Amino acid sequence: MRGIVTTLLASDEVPQENRLGFAAGERIAGLSTGAGVRLVGVLTSEADCEFSEAQARIRAGAAIPL
């Protein structure tokens, strides 16, 4: 599936790390980025991210268009 800009915000260093472990998360990350997904972690709480109608802003500085 291509054509939709996708960004994944997560609280884990790699996707699903808490549930499946780091190695599986690395594999998921590789498959996701290979399909064009932008991965952004490690958010420690909902307070790490602010949302508006146009973008999500991560307190670390990155602005992600919605």
Protein backbone atom coordinates (compact mmCIF):
# COMPACT_ATOMS: atom_id res chain seq x y z
CA MET A 1 0.00 0.00 0.00
CA ARG A 2 1.51 3.27 -1.08
CA GLY A 3 0.35 6.82 -1.49
CA ILE A 4 -0.76 7.80 2.01
CA VAL A 5 1.78 9.68 4.12
CA THR A 6 1.86 7.86 7.46
CA THR A 7 3.67 8.69 10.69
CA LEU A 8 3.58 6.40 13.71
CA LEU A 9 4.05 8.04 17.11
CA ALA A 10 4.93 5.54 19.80
CA SER A 11 6.07 5.27 23.39
CA ASP A 12 8.44 2.40 22.56
CA GLU A 13 11.85 2.64 20.92
CA VAL A 14 10.55 0.28 18.23
CA PRO A 15 6.89 -0.60 17.44
CA GLN A 16 5.29 -3.18 19.78
CA GLU A 17 8.47 -3.50 21.88
CA ASN A 18 6.57 -3.81 25.17
CA ARG A 19 4.34 -6.54 23.79
CA LEU A 20 6.63 -8.52 21.47
CA GLY A 21 10.18 -7.58 22.46
CA PHE A 22 12.90 -5.51 20.84
CA ALA A 23 13.87 -7.96 18.07
CA ALA A 24 10.29 -8.31 16.81
CA GLY A 25 9.85 -4.54 17.08
CA GLU A 26 12.94 -4.00 14.92
CA ARG A 27 11.47 -6.31 12.29
CA ILE A 28 8.15 -4.44 12.36
CA ALA A 29 10.03 -1.14 12.12
CA GLY A 30 11.94 -2.38 9.07
CA LEU A 31 8.78 -3.55 7.34
CA SER A 32 7.02 -0.29 8.18
CA THR A 33 9.79 2.03 7.03
CA GLY A 34 10.22 -0.10 3.92
CA ALA A 35 6.60 0.67 3.10
CA GLY A 36 7.20 4.40 3.62
CA VAL A 37 5.99 4.83 7.21
CA ARG A 38 7.83 7.44 9.28
CA LEU A 39 8.45 6.18 12.83
CA VAL A 40 8.70 8.62 15.74
CA GLY A 41 9.41 7.32 19.27
CA VAL A 42 10.08 7.50 22.22
CA LEU A 43 7.16 9.49 23.63
CA THR A 44 6.91 9.00 27.37
CA SER A 45 3.39 10.33 27.83
CA GLU A 46 0.52 12.08 26.08
CA ALA A 47 2.03 15.32 27.41
CA ASP A 48 4.96 14.85 24.99
CA CYS A 49 2.73 15.69 22.03
CA GLU A 50 0.37 18.59 21.23
CA PHE A 51 -2.26 18.31 18.49
CA SER A 52 -3.90 20.99 16.35
CA GLU A 53 -6.10 20.72 13.26
CA ALA A 54 -3.06 20.89 11.00
CA GLN A 55 -0.25 19.12 12.82
CA ALA A 56 1.04 17.18 15.78
CA ARG A 57 3.99 18.82 17.52
CA ILE A 58 6.33 16.66 19.53
CA ARG A 59 7.83 18.55 22.45
CA ALA A 60 11.29 17.43 21.26
CA GLY A 61 10.70 19.81 18.34
CA ALA A 62 9.43 17.89 15.31
CA ALA A 63 6.19 19.09 13.72
CA ILE A 64 4.25 16.41 11.86
CA PRO A 65 1.56 17.50 9.35
CA LEU A 66 -1.81 15.83 9.79
